[in-house]
Amino acid sequence: RWHFGAETVSRVHAYEFDVAAVLELCEREPALGRDLAVA
């Protein structure tokens, strides 16, 4: 659950990630999951 709210101040260009896909990748590749969790 979000701990903050968020609103764009100006137009934003970004990469958006689907959490389910990222968590699946982290499950398949535990070293990546650990490094991402630490970051």
Full PDB file with SEQRES, HELIX, SHEET, SSBOND, CRYST1, ORIGX, SCALE, CONECT and MASTER records, all heavy atoms in Angstrom:
SEQRES   1 A   39  ARG TRP HIS PHE GLY ALA GLU THR VAL SER ARG VAL HIS          
SEQRES   2 A   39  ALA TYR GLU PHE ASP VAL ALA ALA VAL LEU GLU LEU CYS          
SEQRES   3 A   39  GLU ARG GLU PRO ALA LEU GLY ARG ASP LEU ALA VAL ALA          
HELIX    1 AA1 VAL A   19  ARG A   28  1                                  10    
HELIX    2 AA2 PRO A   30  VAL A   38  1                                   9    
CRYST1    1.000    1.000    1.000  90.00  90.00  90.00 P 1           1          
ORIGX1      1.000000  0.000000  0.000000        0.00000                         
ORIGX2      0.000000  1.000000  0.000000        0.00000                         
ORIGX3      0.000000  0.000000  1.000000        0.00000                         
SCALE1      1.000000  0.000000  0.000000        0.00000                         
SCALE2      0.000000  1.000000  0.000000        0.00000                         
SCALE3      0.000000  0.000000  1.000000        0.00000                         
ATOM      1  N   ARG A   1       0.863  -1.193   0.000  1.00  0.00           N  
ATOM      2  CA  ARG A   1       0.000   0.000   0.000  1.00  0.00           C  
ATOM      3  C   ARG A   1       0.888   1.228   0.000  1.00  0.00           C  
ATOM      4  O   ARG A   1       1.921   1.255   0.671  1.00  0.00           O  
ATOM      5  CB  ARG A   1      -0.895   0.032   1.242  1.00  0.00           C  
ATOM      6  CG  ARG A   1      -1.808  -1.146   1.373  1.00  0.00           C  
ATOM      7  CD  ARG A   1      -3.066  -0.913   0.610  1.00  0.00           C  
ATOM      8  NE  ARG A   1      -3.909  -2.100   0.633  1.00  0.00           N  
ATOM      9  CZ  ARG A   1      -4.833  -2.318  -0.266  1.00  0.00           C  
ATOM     10  NH1 ARG A   1      -5.048  -1.445  -1.230  1.00  0.00           N  
ATOM     11  NH2 ARG A   1      -5.563  -3.398  -0.212  1.00  0.00           N  
ATOM     12  N   TRP A   2       0.486   2.253  -0.752  1.00  0.00           N  
ATOM     13  CA  TRP A   2       1.282   3.485  -0.830  1.00  0.00           C  
ATOM     14  C   TRP A   2       1.397   4.141   0.536  1.00  0.00           C  
ATOM     15  O   TRP A   2       0.412   4.284   1.248  1.00  0.00           O  
ATOM     16  CB  TRP A   2       0.657   4.469  -1.818  1.00  0.00           C  
ATOM     17  CG  TRP A   2       0.628   3.989  -3.231  1.00  0.00           C  
ATOM     18  CD1 TRP A   2      -0.486   3.786  -3.989  1.00  0.00           C  
ATOM     19  CD2 TRP A   2       1.739   3.670  -4.064  1.00  0.00           C  
ATOM     20  NE1 TRP A   2      -0.129   3.351  -5.237  1.00  0.00           N  
ATOM     21  CE2 TRP A   2       1.243   3.272  -5.312  1.00  0.00           C  
ATOM     22  CE3 TRP A   2       3.121   3.673  -3.878  1.00  0.00           C  
ATOM     23  CZ2 TRP A   2       2.062   2.884  -6.366  1.00  0.00           C  
ATOM     24  CZ3 TRP A   2       3.944   3.277  -4.928  1.00  0.00           C  
ATOM     25  CH2 TRP A   2       3.409   2.900  -6.147  1.00  0.00           C  
ATOM     26  N   HIS A   3       2.614   4.579   0.880  1.00  0.00           N  
ATOM     27  CA  HIS A   3       2.855   5.283   2.138  1.00  0.00           C  
ATOM     28  C   HIS A   3       2.744   6.795   1.979  1.00  0.00           C  
ATOM     29  O   HIS A   3       2.651   7.515   2.962  1.00  0.00           O  
ATOM     30  CB  HIS A   3       4.247   4.930   2.681  1.00  0.00           C  
ATOM     31  CG  HIS A   3       4.315   3.545   3.207  1.00  0.00           C  
ATOM     32  ND1 HIS A   3       4.474   2.441   2.401  1.00  0.00           N  
ATOM     33  CD2 HIS A   3       4.209   3.072   4.463  1.00  0.00           C  
ATOM     34  CE1 HIS A   3       4.483   1.359   3.139  1.00  0.00           C  
ATOM     35  NE2 HIS A   3       4.323   1.707   4.397  1.00  0.00           N  
ATOM     36  N   PHE A   4       2.796   7.274   0.754  1.00  0.00           N  
ATOM     37  CA  PHE A   4       2.646   8.694   0.436  1.00  0.00           C  
ATOM     38  C   PHE A   4       1.660   8.811  -0.721  1.00  0.00           C  
ATOM     39  O   PHE A   4       1.284   7.815  -1.335  1.00  0.00           O  
ATOM     40  CB  PHE A   4       3.986   9.308  -0.022  1.00  0.00           C  
ATOM     41  CG  PHE A   4       5.067   9.291   1.014  1.00  0.00           C  
ATOM     42  CD1 PHE A   4       6.085   8.345   0.975  1.00  0.00           C  
ATOM     43  CD2 PHE A   4       5.092  10.239   2.029  1.00  0.00           C  
ATOM     44  CE1 PHE A   4       7.088   8.335   1.928  1.00  0.00           C  
ATOM     45  CE2 PHE A   4       6.093  10.236   2.991  1.00  0.00           C  
ATOM     46  CZ  PHE A   4       7.094   9.278   2.939  1.00  0.00           C  
ATOM     47  N   GLY A   5       1.268  10.028  -1.032  1.00  0.00           N  
ATOM     48  CA  GLY A   5       0.545  10.325  -2.260  1.00  0.00           C  
ATOM     49  C   GLY A   5       1.523  10.970  -3.226  1.00  0.00           C  
ATOM     50  O   GLY A   5       2.595  11.441  -2.817  1.00  0.00           O  
ATOM     51  N   ALA A   6       1.175  11.001  -4.518  1.00  0.00           N  
ATOM     52  CA  ALA A   6       2.077  11.586  -5.513  1.00  0.00           C  
ATOM     53  C   ALA A   6       1.284  12.304  -6.605  1.00  0.00           C  
ATOM     54  O   ALA A   6       0.257  11.815  -7.063  1.00  0.00           O  
ATOM     55  CB  ALA A   6       2.948  10.503  -6.142  1.00  0.00           C  
ATOM     56  N   GLU A   7       1.806  13.489  -6.982  1.00  0.00           N  
ATOM     57  CA  GLU A   7       1.191  14.284  -8.045  1.00  0.00           C  
ATOM     58  C   GLU A   7       2.290  14.937  -8.878  1.00  0.00           C  
ATOM     59  O   GLU A   7       3.273  15.439  -8.328  1.00  0.00           O  
ATOM     60  CB  GLU A   7       0.293  15.361  -7.439  1.00  0.00           C  
ATOM     61  CG  GLU A   7      -0.475  16.145  -8.469  1.00  0.00           C  
ATOM     62  CD  GLU A   7      -1.517  17.044  -7.848  1.00  0.00           C  
ATOM     63  OE1 GLU A   7      -2.165  16.632  -6.869  1.00  0.00           O  
ATOM     64  OE2 GLU A   7      -1.680  18.172  -8.355  1.00  0.00           O  
ATOM     65  N   THR A   8       2.096  14.929 -10.191  1.00  0.00           N  
ATOM     66  CA  THR A   8       3.093  15.540 -11.065  1.00  0.00           C  
ATOM     67  C   THR A   8       3.069  17.056 -10.908  1.00  0.00           C  
ATOM     68  O   THR A   8       2.009  17.670 -10.839  1.00  0.00           O  
ATOM     69  CB  THR A   8       2.864  15.172 -12.538  1.00  0.00           C  
ATOM     70  OG1 THR A   8       1.539  15.545 -12.915  1.00  0.00           O  
ATOM     71  CG2 THR A   8       3.064  13.682 -12.790  1.00  0.00           C  
ATOM     72  N   VAL A   9       4.248  17.645 -10.822  1.00  0.00           N  
ATOM     73  CA  VAL A   9       4.401  19.093 -10.751  1.00  0.00           C  
ATOM     74  C   VAL A   9       4.536  19.643 -12.168  1.00  0.00           C  
ATOM     75  O   VAL A   9       4.054  20.721 -12.492  1.00  0.00           O  
ATOM     76  CB  VAL A   9       5.640  19.463  -9.907  1.00  0.00           C  
ATOM     77  CG1 VAL A   9       5.885  20.962  -9.915  1.00  0.00           C  
ATOM     78  CG2 VAL A   9       5.482  18.941  -8.483  1.00  0.00           C  
ATOM     79  N   SER A  10       5.210  18.878 -13.007  1.00  0.00           N  
ATOM     80  CA  SER A  10       5.385  19.207 -14.423  1.00  0.00           C  
ATOM     81  C   SER A  10       5.170  17.922 -15.227  1.00  0.00           C  
ATOM     82  O   SER A  10       5.030  16.841 -14.633  1.00  0.00           O  
ATOM     83  CB  SER A  10       6.795  19.761 -14.672  1.00  0.00           C  
ATOM     84  OG  SER A  10       7.769  18.787 -14.343  1.00  0.00           O  
ATOM     85  N   ARG A  11       5.141  18.035 -16.548  1.00  0.00           N  
ATOM     86  CA  ARG A  11       5.014  16.832 -17.379  1.00  0.00           C  
ATOM     87  C   ARG A  11       6.169  15.896 -17.047  1.00  0.00           C  
ATOM     88  O   ARG A  11       7.309  16.326 -16.929  1.00  0.00           O  
ATOM     89  CB  ARG A  11       5.035  17.170 -18.864  1.00  0.00           C  
ATOM     90  CG  ARG A  11       5.014  15.905 -19.743  1.00  0.00           C  
ATOM     91  CD  ARG A  11       4.816  16.207 -21.207  1.00  0.00           C  
ATOM     92  NE  ARG A  11       3.490  16.729 -21.491  1.00  0.00           N  
ATOM     93  CZ  ARG A  11       2.376  15.980 -21.570  1.00  0.00           C  
ATOM     94  NH1 ARG A  11       2.444  14.689 -21.371  1.00  0.00           N  
ATOM     95  NH2 ARG A  11       1.221  16.536 -21.840  1.00  0.00           N  
ATOM     96  N   VAL A  12       5.844  14.619 -16.902  1.00  0.00           N  
ATOM     97  CA  VAL A  12       6.830  13.602 -16.532  1.00  0.00           C  
ATOM     98  C   VAL A  12       6.962  12.585 -17.656  1.00  0.00           C  
ATOM     99  O   VAL A  12       5.962  12.129 -18.210  1.00  0.00           O  
ATOM    100  CB  VAL A  12       6.412  12.884 -15.224  1.00  0.00           C  
ATOM    101  CG1 VAL A  12       7.223  11.630 -14.976  1.00  0.00           C  
ATOM    102  CG2 VAL A  12       6.505  13.838 -14.043  1.00  0.00           C  
ATOM    103  N   HIS A  13       8.203  12.265 -17.981  1.00  0.00           N  
ATOM    104  CA  HIS A  13       8.517  11.141 -18.859  1.00  0.00           C  
ATOM    105  C   HIS A  13       9.239  10.142 -17.977  1.00  0.00           C  
ATOM    106  O   HIS A  13      10.175  10.505 -17.249  1.00  0.00           O  
ATOM    107  CB  HIS A  13       9.390  11.576 -20.035  1.00  0.00           C  
ATOM    108  CG  HIS A  13       8.680  12.501 -20.957  1.00  0.00           C  
ATOM    109  ND1 HIS A  13       7.778  12.074 -21.906  1.00  0.00           N  
ATOM    110  CD2 HIS A  13       8.713  13.848 -21.057  1.00  0.00           C  
ATOM    111  CE1 HIS A  13       7.293  13.114 -22.556  1.00  0.00           C  
ATOM    112  NE2 HIS A  13       7.843  14.214 -22.054  1.00  0.00           N  
ATOM    113  N   ALA A  14       8.781   8.881 -18.024  1.00  0.00           N  
ATOM    114  CA  ALA A  14       9.320   7.876 -17.112  1.00  0.00           C  
ATOM    115  C   ALA A  14       9.185   6.489 -17.717  1.00  0.00           C  
ATOM    116  O   ALA A  14       8.486   6.296 -18.717  1.00  0.00           O  
ATOM    117  CB  ALA A  14       8.559   7.935 -15.786  1.00  0.00           C  
ATOM    118  N   TYR A  15       9.852   5.550 -17.076  1.00  0.00           N  
ATOM    119  CA  TYR A  15       9.614   4.141 -17.327  1.00  0.00           C  
ATOM    120  C   TYR A  15       8.685   3.667 -16.221  1.00  0.00           C  
ATOM    121  O   TYR A  15       8.949   3.899 -15.036  1.00  0.00           O  
ATOM    122  CB  TYR A  15      10.909   3.331 -17.285  1.00  0.00           C  
ATOM    123  CG  TYR A  15      11.664   3.342 -18.580  1.00  0.00           C  
ATOM    124  CD1 TYR A  15      12.705   4.225 -18.787  1.00  0.00           C  
ATOM    125  CD2 TYR A  15      11.319   2.462 -19.604  1.00  0.00           C  
ATOM    126  CE1 TYR A  15      13.404   4.234 -19.981  1.00  0.00           C  
ATOM    127  CE2 TYR A  15      12.019   2.462 -20.807  1.00  0.00           C  
ATOM    128  CZ  TYR A  15      13.056   3.358 -20.992  1.00  0.00           C  
ATOM    129  OH  TYR A  15      13.740   3.358 -22.168  1.00  0.00           O  
ATOM    130  N   GLU A  16       7.601   3.001 -16.611  1.00  0.00           N  
ATOM    131  CA  GLU A  16       6.643   2.453 -15.660  1.00  0.00           C  
ATOM    132  C   GLU A  16       6.822   0.933 -15.622  1.00  0.00           C  
ATOM    133  O   GLU A  16       6.987   0.301 -16.663  1.00  0.00           O  
ATOM    134  CB  GLU A  16       5.227   2.798 -16.100  1.00  0.00           C  
ATOM    135  CG  GLU A  16       4.151   2.276 -15.174  1.00  0.00           C  
ATOM    136  CD  GLU A  16       2.771   2.673 -15.660  1.00  0.00           C  
ATOM    137  OE1 GLU A  16       2.251   1.965 -16.562  1.00  0.00           O  
ATOM    138  OE2 GLU A  16       2.239   3.670 -15.159  1.00  0.00           O  
ATOM    139  N   PHE A  17       6.785   0.386 -14.408  1.00  0.00           N  
ATOM    140  CA  PHE A  17       6.981  -1.042 -14.219  1.00  0.00           C  
ATOM    141  C   PHE A  17       5.774  -1.659 -13.532  1.00  0.00           C  
ATOM    142  O   PHE A  17       5.287  -1.118 -12.534  1.00  0.00           O  
ATOM    143  CB  PHE A  17       8.222  -1.300 -13.359  1.00  0.00           C  
ATOM    144  CG  PHE A  17       9.494  -0.864 -14.018  1.00  0.00           C  
ATOM    145  CD1 PHE A  17       9.903   0.456 -13.942  1.00  0.00           C  
ATOM    146  CD2 PHE A  17      10.263  -1.761 -14.731  1.00  0.00           C  
ATOM    147  CE1 PHE A  17      11.065   0.873 -14.552  1.00  0.00           C  
ATOM    148  CE2 PHE A  17      11.434  -1.359 -15.352  1.00  0.00           C  
ATOM    149  CZ  PHE A  17      11.832  -0.033 -15.267  1.00  0.00           C  
ATOM    150  N   ASP A  18       5.322  -2.792 -14.042  1.00  0.00           N  
ATOM    151  CA  ASP A  18       4.266  -3.571 -13.425  1.00  0.00           C  
ATOM    152  C   ASP A  18       4.901  -4.401 -12.316  1.00  0.00           C  
ATOM    153  O   ASP A  18       5.848  -5.152 -12.553  1.00  0.00           O  
ATOM    154  CB  ASP A  18       3.613  -4.476 -14.467  1.00  0.00           C  
ATOM    155  CG  ASP A  18       2.599  -5.400 -13.838  1.00  0.00           C  
ATOM    156  OD1 ASP A  18       1.520  -4.913 -13.476  1.00  0.00           O  
ATOM    157  OD2 ASP A  18       2.909  -6.610 -13.689  1.00  0.00           O  
ATOM    158  N   VAL A  19       4.402  -4.270 -11.099  1.00  0.00           N  
ATOM    159  CA  VAL A  19       4.994  -4.928  -9.948  1.00  0.00           C  
ATOM    160  C   VAL A  19       4.971  -6.445 -10.083  1.00  0.00           C  
ATOM    161  O   VAL A  19       5.952  -7.115  -9.747  1.00  0.00           O  
ATOM    162  CB  VAL A  19       4.286  -4.470  -8.652  1.00  0.00           C  
ATOM    163  CG1 VAL A  19       4.617  -5.364  -7.485  1.00  0.00           C  
ATOM    164  CG2 VAL A  19       4.667  -3.035  -8.355  1.00  0.00           C  
ATOM    165  N   ALA A  20       3.885  -7.011 -10.579  1.00  0.00           N  
ATOM    166  CA  ALA A  20       3.804  -8.473 -10.700  1.00  0.00           C  
ATOM    167  C   ALA A  20       4.939  -9.005 -11.574  1.00  0.00           C  
ATOM    168  O   ALA A  20       5.587 -10.005 -11.222  1.00  0.00           O  
ATOM    169  CB  ALA A  20       2.449  -8.889 -11.262  1.00  0.00           C  
ATOM    170  N   ALA A  21       5.226  -8.335 -12.679  1.00  0.00           N  
ATOM    171  CA  ALA A  21       6.300  -8.778 -13.577  1.00  0.00           C  
ATOM    172  C   ALA A  21       7.666  -8.640 -12.906  1.00  0.00           C  
ATOM    173  O   ALA A  21       8.527  -9.521 -13.034  1.00  0.00           O  
ATOM    174  CB  ALA A  21       6.261  -7.983 -14.874  1.00  0.00           C  
ATOM    175  N   VAL A  22       7.874  -7.551 -12.174  1.00  0.00           N  
ATOM    176  CA  VAL A  22       9.164  -7.340 -11.501  1.00  0.00           C  
ATOM    177  C   VAL A  22       9.351  -8.365 -10.391  1.00  0.00           C  
ATOM    178  O   VAL A  22      10.437  -8.947 -10.245  1.00  0.00           O  
ATOM    179  CB  VAL A  22       9.280  -5.898 -10.968  1.00  0.00           C  
ATOM    180  CG1 VAL A  22      10.518  -5.733 -10.092  1.00  0.00           C  
ATOM    181  CG2 VAL A  22       9.309  -4.909 -12.132  1.00  0.00           C  
ATOM    182  N   LEU A  23       8.304  -8.622  -9.611  1.00  0.00           N  
ATOM    183  CA  LEU A  23       8.419  -9.608  -8.537  1.00  0.00           C  
ATOM    184  C   LEU A  23       8.673 -11.011  -9.095  1.00  0.00           C  
ATOM    185  O   LEU A  23       9.427 -11.793  -8.507  1.00  0.00           O  
ATOM    186  CB  LEU A  23       7.174  -9.587  -7.654  1.00  0.00           C  
ATOM    187  CG  LEU A  23       7.003  -8.327  -6.801  1.00  0.00           C  
ATOM    188  CD1 LEU A  23       5.668  -8.356  -6.073  1.00  0.00           C  
ATOM    189  CD2 LEU A  23       8.156  -8.150  -5.833  1.00  0.00           C  
ATOM    190  N   GLU A  24       8.085 -11.312 -10.234  1.00  0.00           N  
ATOM    191  CA  GLU A  24       8.332 -12.601 -10.896  1.00  0.00           C  
ATOM    192  C   GLU A  24       9.796 -12.705 -11.320  1.00  0.00           C  
ATOM    193  O   GLU A  24      10.439 -13.743 -11.134  1.00  0.00           O  
ATOM    194  CB  GLU A  24       7.410 -12.750 -12.102  1.00  0.00           C  
ATOM    195  CG  GLU A  24       7.534 -14.085 -12.799  1.00  0.00           C  
ATOM    196  CD  GLU A  24       6.581 -14.178 -13.978  1.00  0.00           C  
ATOM    197  OE1 GLU A  24       5.368 -13.993 -13.766  1.00  0.00           O  
ATOM    198  OE2 GLU A  24       7.066 -14.424 -15.101  1.00  0.00           O  
ATOM    199  N   LEU A  25      10.345 -11.637 -11.897  1.00  0.00           N  
ATOM    200  CA  LEU A  25      11.759 -11.616 -12.273  1.00  0.00           C  
ATOM    201  C   LEU A  25      12.638 -11.808 -11.036  1.00  0.00           C  
ATOM    202  O   LEU A  25      13.606 -12.582 -11.070  1.00  0.00           O  
ATOM    203  CB  LEU A  25      12.103 -10.294 -12.967  1.00  0.00           C  
ATOM    204  CG  LEU A  25      13.581 -10.063 -13.290  1.00  0.00           C  
ATOM    205  CD1 LEU A  25      14.082 -11.095 -14.303  1.00  0.00           C  
ATOM    206  CD2 LEU A  25      13.786  -8.638 -13.808  1.00  0.00           C  
ATOM    207  N   CYS A  26      12.312 -11.139  -9.954  1.00  0.00           N  
ATOM    208  CA  CYS A  26      13.094 -11.262  -8.718  1.00  0.00           C  
ATOM    209  C   CYS A  26      13.032 -12.681  -8.159  1.00  0.00           C  
ATOM    210  O   CYS A  26      14.013 -13.175  -7.595  1.00  0.00           O  
ATOM    211  CB  CYS A  26      12.592 -10.267  -7.674  1.00  0.00           C  
ATOM    212  SG  CYS A  26      12.919  -8.551  -8.109  1.00  0.00           S  
ATOM    213  N   GLU A  27      11.910 -13.334  -8.316  1.00  0.00           N  
ATOM    214  CA  GLU A  27      11.762 -14.729  -7.869  1.00  0.00           C  
ATOM    215  C   GLU A  27      12.647 -15.661  -8.703  1.00  0.00           C  
ATOM    216  O   GLU A  27      13.293 -16.557  -8.162  1.00  0.00           O  
ATOM    217  CB  GLU A  27      10.284 -15.142  -7.981  1.00  0.00           C  
ATOM    218  CG  GLU A  27       9.976 -16.493  -7.423  1.00  0.00           C  
ATOM    219  CD  GLU A  27       9.980 -16.533  -5.902  1.00  0.00           C  
ATOM    220  OE1 GLU A  27       9.785 -15.492  -5.267  1.00  0.00           O  
ATOM    221  OE2 GLU A  27      10.194 -17.632  -5.364  1.00  0.00           O  
ATOM    222  N   ARG A  28      12.679 -15.419 -10.003  1.00  0.00           N  
ATOM    223  CA  ARG A  28      13.507 -16.239 -10.907  1.00  0.00           C  
ATOM    224  C   ARG A  28      14.991 -15.977 -10.720  1.00  0.00           C  
ATOM    225  O   ARG A  28      15.813 -16.854 -10.941  1.00  0.00           O  
ATOM    226  CB  ARG A  28      13.151 -15.963 -12.372  1.00  0.00           C  
ATOM    227  CG  ARG A  28      11.875 -16.592 -12.851  1.00  0.00           C  
ATOM    228  CD  ARG A  28      11.737 -16.538 -14.369  1.00  0.00           C  
ATOM    229  NE  ARG A  28      12.242 -15.345 -15.015  1.00  0.00           N  
ATOM    230  CZ  ARG A  28      11.518 -14.268 -15.340  1.00  0.00           C  
ATOM    231  NH1 ARG A  28      10.234 -14.239 -15.076  1.00  0.00           N  
ATOM    232  NH2 ARG A  28      12.069 -13.232 -15.938  1.00  0.00           N  
ATOM    233  N   GLU A  29      15.333 -14.740 -10.362  1.00  0.00           N  
ATOM    234  CA  GLU A  29      16.731 -14.340 -10.235  1.00  0.00           C  
ATOM    235  C   GLU A  29      16.951 -13.734  -8.848  1.00  0.00           C  
ATOM    236  O   GLU A  29      16.935 -12.516  -8.682  1.00  0.00           O  
ATOM    237  CB  GLU A  29      17.089 -13.342 -11.328  1.00  0.00           C  
ATOM    238  CG  GLU A  29      16.910 -13.919 -12.727  1.00  0.00           C  
ATOM    239  CD  GLU A  29      17.421 -12.993 -13.809  1.00  0.00           C  
ATOM    240  OE1 GLU A  29      18.386 -12.242 -13.554  1.00  0.00           O  
ATOM    241  OE2 GLU A  29      16.849 -13.033 -14.903  1.00  0.00           O  
ATOM    242  N   PRO A  30      17.179 -14.586  -7.857  1.00  0.00           N  
ATOM    243  CA  PRO A  30      17.287 -14.112  -6.465  1.00  0.00           C  
ATOM    244  C   PRO A  30      18.368 -13.052  -6.244  1.00  0.00           C  
ATOM    245  O   PRO A  30      18.170 -12.158  -5.424  1.00  0.00           O  
ATOM    246  CB  PRO A  30      17.594 -15.386  -5.679  1.00  0.00           C  
ATOM    247  CG  PRO A  30      17.103 -16.503  -6.535  1.00  0.00           C  
ATOM    248  CD  PRO A  30      17.247 -16.038  -7.949  1.00  0.00           C  
ATOM    249  N   ALA A  31      19.485 -13.128  -6.951  1.00  0.00           N  
ATOM    250  CA  ALA A  31      20.536 -12.108  -6.767  1.00  0.00           C  
ATOM    251  C   ALA A  31      20.029 -10.738  -7.212  1.00  0.00           C  
ATOM    252  O   ALA A  31      20.259  -9.734  -6.535  1.00  0.00           O  
ATOM    253  CB  ALA A  31      21.797 -12.486  -7.536  1.00  0.00           C  
ATOM    254  N   LEU A  32      19.314 -10.695  -8.315  1.00  0.00           N  
ATOM    255  CA  LEU A  32      18.730  -9.433  -8.782  1.00  0.00           C  
ATOM    256  C   LEU A  32      17.699  -8.947  -7.771  1.00  0.00           C  
ATOM    257  O   LEU A  32      17.676  -7.763  -7.420  1.00  0.00           O  
ATOM    258  CB  LEU A  32      18.095  -9.622 -10.165  1.00  0.00           C  
ATOM    259  CG  LEU A  32      17.573  -8.347 -10.822  1.00  0.00           C  
ATOM    260  CD1 LEU A  32      17.649  -8.468 -12.334  1.00  0.00           C  
ATOM    261  CD2 LEU A  32      16.186  -7.983 -10.401  1.00  0.00           C  
ATOM    262  N   GLY A  33      16.867  -9.863  -7.277  1.00  0.00           N  
ATOM    263  CA  GLY A  33      15.849  -9.495  -6.287  1.00  0.00           C  
ATOM    264  C   GLY A  33      16.465  -8.916  -5.029  1.00  0.00           C  
ATOM    265  O   GLY A  33      15.999  -7.911  -4.505  1.00  0.00           O  
ATOM    266  N   ARG A  34      17.540  -9.549  -4.554  1.00  0.00           N  
ATOM    267  CA  ARG A  34      18.223  -9.057  -3.352  1.00  0.00           C  
ATOM    268  C   ARG A  34      18.813  -7.670  -3.605  1.00  0.00           C  
ATOM    269  O   ARG A  34      18.639  -6.754  -2.804  1.00  0.00           O  
ATOM    270  CB  ARG A  34      19.328 -10.036  -2.944  1.00  0.00           C  
ATOM    271  CG  ARG A  34      20.093  -9.591  -1.697  1.00  0.00           C  
ATOM    272  CD  ARG A  34      21.406 -10.334  -1.523  1.00  0.00           C  
ATOM    273  NE  ARG A  34      22.284 -10.032  -2.657  1.00  0.00           N  
ATOM    274  CZ  ARG A  34      22.835 -10.959  -3.457  1.00  0.00           C  
ATOM    275  NH1 ARG A  34      22.621 -12.230  -3.274  1.00  0.00           N  
ATOM    276  NH2 ARG A  34      23.602 -10.591  -4.465  1.00  0.00           N  
ATOM    277  N   ASP A  35      19.512  -7.521  -4.733  1.00  0.00           N  
ATOM    278  CA  ASP A  35      20.144  -6.236  -5.031  1.00  0.00           C  
ATOM    279  C   ASP A  35      19.113  -5.128  -5.210  1.00  0.00           C  
ATOM    280  O   ASP A  35      19.319  -4.000  -4.764  1.00  0.00           O  
ATOM    281  CB  ASP A  35      21.033  -6.359  -6.268  1.00  0.00           C  
ATOM    282  CG  ASP A  35      22.243  -7.262  -6.032  1.00  0.00           C  
ATOM    283  OD1 ASP A  35      22.525  -7.602  -4.862  1.00  0.00           O  
ATOM    284  OD2 ASP A  35      22.895  -7.634  -7.033  1.00  0.00           O  
ATOM    285  N   LEU A  36      17.993  -5.450  -5.854  1.00  0.00           N  
ATOM    286  CA  LEU A  36      16.937  -4.459  -6.033  1.00  0.00           C  
ATOM    287  C   LEU A  36      16.306  -4.098  -4.684  1.00  0.00           C  
ATOM    288  O   LEU A  36      16.074  -2.923  -4.394  1.00  0.00           O  
ATOM    289  CB  LEU A  36      15.874  -4.972  -7.006  1.00  0.00           C  
ATOM    290  CG  LEU A  36      14.739  -4.019  -7.338  1.00  0.00           C  
ATOM    291  CD1 LEU A  36      15.257  -2.713  -7.937  1.00  0.00           C  
ATOM    292  CD2 LEU A  36      13.743  -4.696  -8.283  1.00  0.00           C  
ATOM    293  N   ALA A  37      16.078  -5.100  -3.839  1.00  0.00           N  
ATOM    294  CA  ALA A  37      15.489  -4.838  -2.517  1.00  0.00           C  
ATOM    295  C   ALA A  37      16.401  -3.951  -1.676  1.00  0.00           C  
ATOM    296  O   ALA A  37      15.930  -3.029  -0.997  1.00  0.00           O  
ATOM    297  CB  ALA A  37      15.206  -6.153  -1.790  1.00  0.00           C  
ATOM    298  N   VAL A  38      17.698  -4.195  -1.721  1.00  0.00           N  
ATOM    299  CA  VAL A  38      18.652  -3.371  -0.971  1.00  0.00           C  
ATOM    300  C   VAL A  38      18.637  -1.936  -1.505  1.00  0.00           C  
ATOM    301  O   VAL A  38      18.635  -0.967  -0.730  1.00  0.00           O  
ATOM    302  CB  VAL A  38      20.074  -3.984  -1.024  1.00  0.00           C  
ATOM    303  CG1 VAL A  38      21.123  -3.004  -0.528  1.00  0.00           C  
ATOM    304  CG2 VAL A  38      20.112  -5.278  -0.220  1.00  0.00           C  
ATOM    305  N   ALA A  39      18.611  -1.787  -2.822  1.00  0.00           N  
ATOM    306  CA  ALA A  39      18.585  -0.444  -3.424  1.00  0.00           C  
ATOM    307  C   ALA A  39      17.308   0.301  -3.055  1.00  0.00           C  
ATOM    308  O   ALA A  39      17.343   1.488  -2.707  1.00  0.00           O  
ATOM    309  CB  ALA A  39      18.729  -0.550  -4.939  1.00  0.00           C  
TER     310      ALA A  39                                                      
MASTER        0    0    0    2    0    0    0    6  309    1    0    3          
END                                                                             
